[in-house]
N, C-alpha and C. Protein backbone atom coordinates (compact mmCIF):
# COMPACT_ATOMS: atom_id res chain seq x y z
N MET A 1 11.66 2.17 1.90
CA MET A 1 11.18 1.18 2.00
C MET A 1 9.88 1.25 2.80
N LYS A 2 8.58 0.85 1.94
CA LYS A 2 7.32 0.95 2.98
C LYS A 2 7.51 -0.13 4.04
N THR A 3 6.31 0.18 5.15
CA THR A 3 6.53 -0.68 6.38
C THR A 3 5.68 -2.23 5.72
N LYS A 4 4.96 -1.95 4.25
CA LYS A 4 4.00 -2.99 4.03
C LYS A 4 5.11 -3.98 3.50
N GLU A 5 6.10 -3.56 2.56
CA GLU A 5 6.80 -3.86 1.98
C GLU A 5 8.31 -5.26 3.07
N LEU A 6 8.09 -4.57 4.05
CA LEU A 6 9.24 -5.10 5.29
C LEU A 6 8.28 -6.19 5.96
N HIS A 7 7.13 -5.79 6.00
CA HIS A 7 6.16 -7.42 6.51
C HIS A 7 6.01 -8.18 5.65
N GLN A 8 6.47 -8.30 4.18
CA GLN A 8 6.44 -9.51 3.34
C GLN A 8 7.58 -9.96 3.13
N LEU A 9 8.88 -9.67 3.91
CA LEU A 9 10.00 -10.12 3.86
C LEU A 9 10.27 -11.22 4.72
N THR A 10 10.98 -12.30 4.58
CA THR A 10 11.20 -13.06 5.51
C THR A 10 12.12 -12.92 6.60
N VAL A 11 11.76 -13.34 7.90
CA VAL A 11 13.37 -13.29 8.76
C VAL A 11 14.65 -13.16 7.80
N ASP A 12 14.89 -13.57 7.37
CA ASP A 12 16.47 -13.89 6.83
C ASP A 12 16.67 -12.86 6.09
N GLU A 13 15.40 -12.44 5.17
CA GLU A 13 15.52 -11.35 4.62
C GLU A 13 15.45 -10.06 5.29
N LEU A 14 14.84 -9.72 6.30
CA LEU A 14 14.93 -8.61 7.37
C LEU A 14 15.96 -8.63 7.84
N ASN A 15 17.14 -9.81 8.40
CA ASN A 15 18.05 -9.69 8.77
C ASN A 15 19.31 -8.87 7.76
N THR A 16 19.29 -9.48 6.70
CA THR A 16 19.97 -9.14 5.48
C THR A 16 19.60 -7.41 5.48
N LYS A 17 18.69 -7.10 5.21
CA LYS A 17 18.43 -5.95 4.70
C LYS A 17 18.71 -4.91 5.96
N ILE A 18 18.42 -5.30 7.22
CA ILE A 18 18.95 -4.67 8.38
C ILE A 18 20.55 -4.43 8.07
N LYS A 19 21.49 -5.44 7.68
CA LYS A 19 22.81 -5.58 7.87
C LYS A 19 23.13 -4.38 6.67
N GLU A 20 22.24 -4.41 5.45
CA GLU A 20 22.68 -3.39 4.21
C GLU A 20 22.11 -2.25 4.76
N LEU A 21 21.46 -1.73 5.75
CA LEU A 21 20.96 -0.50 6.16
C LEU A 21 22.11 -0.05 7.12
N THR A 22 22.70 -0.97 7.81
CA THR A 22 23.58 -0.26 8.77
C THR A 22 24.94 -0.21 8.11
N GLU A 23 25.54 -0.84 7.19
CA GLU A 23 26.53 -0.72 6.29
C GLU A 23 26.52 1.18 6.00
N GLU A 24 25.32 0.98 4.97
CA GLU A 24 25.03 1.79 4.48
C GLU A 24 25.27 3.57 5.45
N LEU A 25 24.23 3.21 6.55
CA LEU A 25 24.72 4.18 7.27
C LEU A 25 26.27 4.16 8.18
N PHE A 26 26.97 3.55 8.16
CA PHE A 26 28.41 4.03 8.74
C PHE A 26 28.99 4.73 7.18
N ASN A 27 28.54 4.31 6.30
CA ASN A 27 29.18 5.20 4.89
C ASN A 27 28.86 6.32 4.72
N LEU A 28 27.76 6.57 5.39
CA LEU A 28 26.59 8.01 5.46
C LEU A 28 27.51 8.71 6.70
N ARG A 29 27.60 8.01 7.39
CA ARG A 29 28.37 8.86 8.53
C ARG A 29 29.94 9.36 8.29
N PHE A 30 30.48 8.47 7.72
CA PHE A 30 32.14 8.79 7.26
C PHE A 30 32.07 9.81 6.29
N ARG A 31 30.78 9.83 5.16
CA ARG A 31 30.68 10.76 4.40
C ARG A 31 30.53 11.95 4.82
N HIS A 32 29.47 12.19 5.87
CA HIS A 32 29.05 13.09 6.75
C HIS A 32 30.53 13.85 7.34
N ALA A 33 31.22 12.93 7.55
CA ALA A 33 32.51 13.59 8.80
C ALA A 33 33.49 14.38 7.94
N ILE A 34 33.36 13.68 6.49
CA ILE A 34 34.52 14.32 6.18
C ILE A 34 33.89 15.29 4.91
N GLY A 35 32.96 15.90 4.89
CA GLY A 35 32.16 16.72 4.44
C GLY A 35 31.85 16.67 3.06
N GLN A 36 31.38 15.40 2.81
CA GLN A 36 31.26 15.22 1.38
C GLN A 36 29.43 14.69 1.33
N LEU A 37 28.78 14.46 2.20
CA LEU A 37 27.41 14.28 2.33
C LEU A 37 26.70 14.98 1.84
N GLU A 38 25.70 15.29 0.71
CA GLU A 38 24.92 16.12 0.08
C GLU A 38 23.72 16.09 0.88
N ASN A 39 23.05 15.29 1.35
CA ASN A 39 22.16 15.54 2.11
C ASN A 39 21.73 14.98 3.66
N PRO A 40 22.30 15.77 4.37
CA PRO A 40 22.34 15.03 6.05
C PRO A 40 20.70 14.79 6.46
N ALA A 41 19.98 14.99 5.92
CA ALA A 41 18.39 14.27 6.62
C ALA A 41 18.60 12.39 5.83
N SER A 42 19.23 12.49 4.90
CA SER A 42 19.46 10.84 4.88
C SER A 42 19.66 9.75 6.11
N LEU A 43 20.84 10.46 6.75
CA LEU A 43 21.16 9.94 8.07
C LEU A 43 19.90 9.58 8.79
N LYS A 44 18.98 10.80 9.25
CA LYS A 44 17.69 10.12 9.77
C LYS A 44 17.12 9.36 9.03
N ASN A 45 16.65 9.33 7.94
CA ASN A 45 15.87 8.52 7.17
C ASN A 45 16.44 6.86 7.29
N ILE A 46 17.71 6.82 7.06
CA ILE A 46 18.16 5.58 7.24
C ILE A 46 18.21 5.17 8.58
N LYS A 47 17.96 5.71 9.65
CA LYS A 47 17.97 5.06 10.75
C LYS A 47 16.34 4.74 11.04
N LYS A 48 15.81 5.53 10.66
CA LYS A 48 13.88 5.15 10.56
C LYS A 48 13.92 3.78 10.41
N GLU A 49 14.69 3.58 8.86
CA GLU A 49 14.30 2.13 8.03
C GLU A 49 14.99 1.23 8.97
N ILE A 50 16.10 1.38 9.30
CA ILE A 50 16.85 0.25 10.48
C ILE A 50 15.89 -0.08 11.77
N ALA A 51 15.14 1.16 12.48
CA ALA A 51 14.56 0.61 13.34
C ALA A 51 13.02 0.13 13.17
N LYS A 52 12.41 0.81 11.90
CA LYS A 52 11.18 -0.22 11.36
C LYS A 52 11.59 -1.89 11.29
N ALA A 53 12.39 -2.02 10.50
CA ALA A 53 13.29 -3.68 10.27
C ALA A 53 13.27 -4.26 11.30
N LYS A 54 13.78 -3.87 12.54
CA LYS A 54 13.89 -4.28 13.69
C LYS A 54 12.85 -4.58 14.66
N THR A 55 11.95 -3.43 14.62
CA THR A 55 10.31 -3.65 15.14
C THR A 55 10.08 -4.68 14.62
N ILE A 56 9.86 -4.98 13.29
CA ILE A 56 9.17 -6.08 12.47
C ILE A 56 9.64 -7.35 13.24
N LEU A 57 11.04 -7.67 13.41
CA LEU A 57 11.50 -8.81 13.63
C LEU A 57 11.11 -9.08 15.22
N ARG A 58 10.98 -7.77 15.75
CA ARG A 58 10.91 -8.46 17.04
C ARG A 58 9.50 -8.60 17.57
N GLU A 59 8.71 -7.95 16.78
CA GLU A 59 7.07 -8.57 16.42
C GLU A 59 6.82 -9.88 16.49
N ARG A 60 7.85 -10.70 15.14
CA ARG A 60 7.95 -11.79 14.81
C ARG A 60 8.43 -12.68 15.91
N GLU A 61 9.07 -12.14 16.82
CA GLU A 61 9.71 -12.98 17.74
C GLU A 61 8.59 -13.51 18.71
N LEU A 62 8.01 -12.21 19.23
CA LEU A 62 6.94 -11.96 20.44
C LEU A 62 5.94 -12.96 19.49
N GLU A 63 5.19 -12.79 18.48
CA GLU A 63 4.38 -13.73 17.71
C GLU A 63 4.90 -15.50 18.06
N ALA A 64 6.12 -15.59 17.74
CA ALA A 64 6.49 -16.94 17.86
C ALA A 64 6.48 -17.66 19.23
N LYS A 65 6.85 -16.89 20.50
CA LYS A 65 6.64 -16.97 21.84
C LYS A 65 5.12 -17.36 22.21
N ALA A 66 4.46 -16.64 21.34
CA ALA A 66 3.17 -16.81 22.06
C ALA A 66 1.97 -18.13 21.56
């Protein structure tokens, strides 16, 4: 998901997205541990997506406080 698309989501949608991505990361780690992961780079990509979403949430928190 592009950063622009993440910026258009509401806070609740961002929290849901983070939850979904975290679950997907868990599943990918599990598959990697048992040797069934086809693309190990997907772990890195999911981690980046989680970081993007958390960054946007934090920006919004700071804007609300200001």
